[in-house]
Amino acid sequence: MTCSGEPSILDQLHHLYSQMNSAIGHCTGVSPSRLRLLQQLYHHEEISQTALQKELQIDSAAITRQLKQLEAEGIITRRVNPSDNRITLVRLSELGRQRIISHLEEKVRFLDHMLQGFSQEEQQVLAGMIARLQANIQQYNPQK
């Protein structure tokens, strides 16, 4: 591929990513970053704030800010780990669990709509191409 074609693909991927984030935020009613955080909590009964931060790969100030907002809204609960008071444990509240289930259902509806007209085989090919792009990016070493 020539360099003249690469910006076009990058521009298309960037535009697609922006459109998807906007659409998911619109249909779920929460930002994509908040949805990701809630999804992580949904998959854990309880998790330390530090482990959650590492899984999401965001800085400690950002995770603290998000969690404080979610706690004020009654979406999550936080407590100090009784065996180590330096660790804060986080979990979804019952309200939070109900909301994330609703958000995930909306996300599935959106993804179904987005992939409308794509056969199962085309979806598998697309998933494979995306995985290859990710692997290529991880292996990229500009120092060569």
Protein backbone atom coordinates (compact mmCIF):
# COMPACT_ATOMS: atom_id res chain seq x y z
CA MET A 1 0.00 0.00 0.00
CA THR A 2 1.28 3.45 -0.82
CA CYS A 3 1.50 6.23 1.70
CA SER A 4 -1.15 8.14 -0.21
CA GLY A 5 -3.71 5.41 0.63
CA GLU A 6 -2.87 5.14 4.33
CA PRO A 7 -4.26 8.51 5.47
CA SER A 8 -7.55 7.68 3.79
CA ILE A 9 -7.86 4.43 5.76
CA LEU A 10 -6.78 6.17 8.96
CA ASP A 11 -9.27 8.96 8.34
CA GLN A 12 -12.05 6.44 7.70
CA LEU A 13 -11.21 4.48 10.85
CA HIS A 14 -11.07 7.65 12.93
CA HIS A 15 -14.39 8.88 11.52
CA LEU A 16 -16.00 5.46 12.10
CA TYR A 17 -14.73 5.40 15.69
CA SER A 18 -16.12 8.89 16.32
CA GLN A 19 -19.48 7.99 14.78
CA MET A 20 -19.73 4.78 16.82
CA ASN A 21 -18.87 6.58 20.08
CA SER A 22 -21.42 9.26 19.40
CA ALA A 23 -24.14 6.76 18.43
CA ILE A 24 -23.48 4.46 21.40
CA GLY A 25 -23.51 7.44 23.75
CA HIS A 26 -26.78 8.63 22.24
CA CYS A 27 -28.55 5.26 22.36
CA THR A 28 -27.35 4.27 25.86
CA GLY A 29 -27.47 7.71 27.44
CA VAL A 30 -23.93 7.42 28.84
CA SER A 31 -20.53 8.28 27.42
CA PRO A 32 -18.51 5.44 25.88
CA SER A 33 -15.85 5.78 28.61
CA ARG A 34 -18.47 5.51 31.35
CA LEU A 35 -20.09 2.57 29.58
CA ARG A 36 -16.70 0.80 29.45
CA LEU A 37 -16.20 1.41 33.18
CA LEU A 38 -19.69 0.11 34.01
CA GLN A 39 -19.12 -2.95 31.80
CA GLN A 40 -15.95 -3.77 33.72
CA LEU A 41 -17.80 -3.48 37.01
CA TYR A 42 -20.61 -5.65 35.64
CA HIS A 43 -18.11 -8.46 35.04
CA HIS A 44 -16.75 -8.29 38.61
CA GLU A 45 -18.66 -8.85 41.81
CA GLU A 46 -16.24 -6.44 43.47
CA ILE A 47 -12.90 -5.05 42.32
CA SER A 48 -10.27 -2.75 43.76
CA GLN A 49 -10.19 0.75 42.36
CA THR A 50 -6.54 0.22 41.36
CA ALA A 51 -7.28 -3.00 39.46
CA LEU A 52 -10.18 -1.29 37.70
CA GLN A 53 -7.94 1.61 36.76
CA LYS A 54 -5.37 -0.80 35.28
CA GLU A 55 -7.98 -2.76 33.34
CA LEU A 56 -9.36 0.43 31.83
CA GLN A 57 -5.89 1.96 31.36
CA ILE A 58 -6.87 5.38 32.66
CA ASP A 59 -5.15 7.60 35.22
CA SER A 60 -6.04 7.54 38.89
CA ALA A 61 -7.56 11.03 38.92
CA ALA A 62 -9.93 10.14 36.07
CA ILE A 63 -11.09 6.90 37.70
CA THR A 64 -11.59 8.64 41.05
CA ARG A 65 -13.62 11.41 39.41
CA GLN A 66 -15.81 8.92 37.51
CA LEU A 67 -16.37 6.74 40.57
CA LYS A 68 -17.30 9.70 42.78
CA GLN A 69 -19.92 10.76 40.23
CA LEU A 70 -21.28 7.22 39.92
CA GLU A 71 -21.39 6.86 43.71
CA ALA A 72 -23.29 10.17 44.04
CA GLU A 73 -25.81 8.86 41.47
CA GLY A 74 -26.24 5.61 43.42
CA ILE A 75 -24.82 3.51 40.56
CA ILE A 76 -21.86 2.10 42.52
CA THR A 77 -20.77 1.61 46.10
CA ARG A 78 -17.25 1.91 47.43
CA ARG A 79 -15.81 0.61 50.66
CA VAL A 80 -12.42 0.24 52.27
CA ASN A 81 -11.02 -3.27 52.16
CA PRO A 82 -11.28 -4.52 55.77
CA SER A 83 -7.99 -6.42 55.50
CA ASP A 84 -6.07 -3.48 53.96
CA ASN A 85 -7.45 0.02 54.47
CA ARG A 86 -5.26 1.38 51.65
CA ILE A 87 -7.46 -0.44 49.11
CA THR A 88 -10.85 0.83 47.97
CA LEU A 89 -13.27 -1.82 46.72
CA VAL A 90 -15.88 -0.94 44.11
CA ARG A 91 -19.07 -2.71 43.06
CA LEU A 92 -22.25 -1.95 41.16
CA SER A 93 -25.30 -1.17 43.27
CA GLU A 94 -28.57 -2.88 42.37
CA LEU A 95 -29.58 0.28 40.50
CA GLY A 96 -26.23 0.22 38.69
CA ARG A 97 -26.68 -3.43 37.73
CA GLN A 98 -30.14 -2.69 36.30
CA ARG A 99 -28.83 0.30 34.35
CA ILE A 100 -25.83 -1.49 32.84
CA ILE A 101 -28.05 -4.38 31.73
CA SER A 102 -30.28 -1.83 29.97
CA HIS A 103 -27.22 -0.06 28.46
CA LEU A 104 -25.78 -3.34 27.21
CA GLU A 105 -29.10 -4.28 25.61
CA GLU A 106 -29.11 -0.92 23.79
CA LYS A 107 -25.50 -1.46 22.71
CA VAL A 108 -26.39 -4.88 21.25
CA ARG A 109 -29.31 -3.33 19.34
CA PHE A 110 -26.96 -0.66 17.98
CA LEU A 111 -24.34 -3.24 16.94
CA ASP A 112 -27.01 -5.36 15.27
CA HIS A 113 -28.13 -2.30 13.33
CA MET A 114 -24.56 -1.31 12.46
CA LEU A 115 -23.84 -4.78 11.06
CA GLN A 116 -27.16 -5.04 9.24
CA GLY A 117 -26.64 -6.54 5.79
CA PHE A 118 -23.32 -8.17 6.73
CA SER A 119 -23.36 -11.96 6.55
CA GLN A 120 -21.87 -14.02 9.38
CA GLU A 121 -18.91 -14.76 7.13
CA GLU A 122 -18.38 -11.04 6.40
CA GLN A 123 -18.57 -10.26 10.13
CA GLN A 124 -15.95 -12.93 10.83
CA VAL A 125 -13.70 -11.59 8.07
CA LEU A 126 -14.07 -8.04 9.45
CA ALA A 127 -13.30 -9.23 12.99
CA GLY A 128 -10.23 -11.04 11.68
CA MET A 129 -9.03 -7.95 9.82
CA ILE A 130 -9.46 -5.80 12.92
CA ALA A 131 -7.53 -8.37 14.99
CA ARG A 132 -4.73 -8.33 12.41
CA LEU A 133 -4.59 -4.54 12.49
CA GLN A 134 -4.35 -4.64 16.29
CA ALA A 135 -1.58 -7.25 16.16
CA ASN A 136 0.33 -5.25 13.55
CA ILE A 137 0.09 -2.11 15.68
CA GLN A 138 1.36 -3.99 18.76
CA GLN A 139 4.30 -5.35 16.79
CA TYR A 140 5.18 -2.03 15.18
CA ASN A 141 8.63 -0.79 16.08
CA PRO A 142 9.52 2.51 14.39
CA GLN A 143 13.15 2.19 15.57
CA LYS A 144 13.96 -0.43 12.90
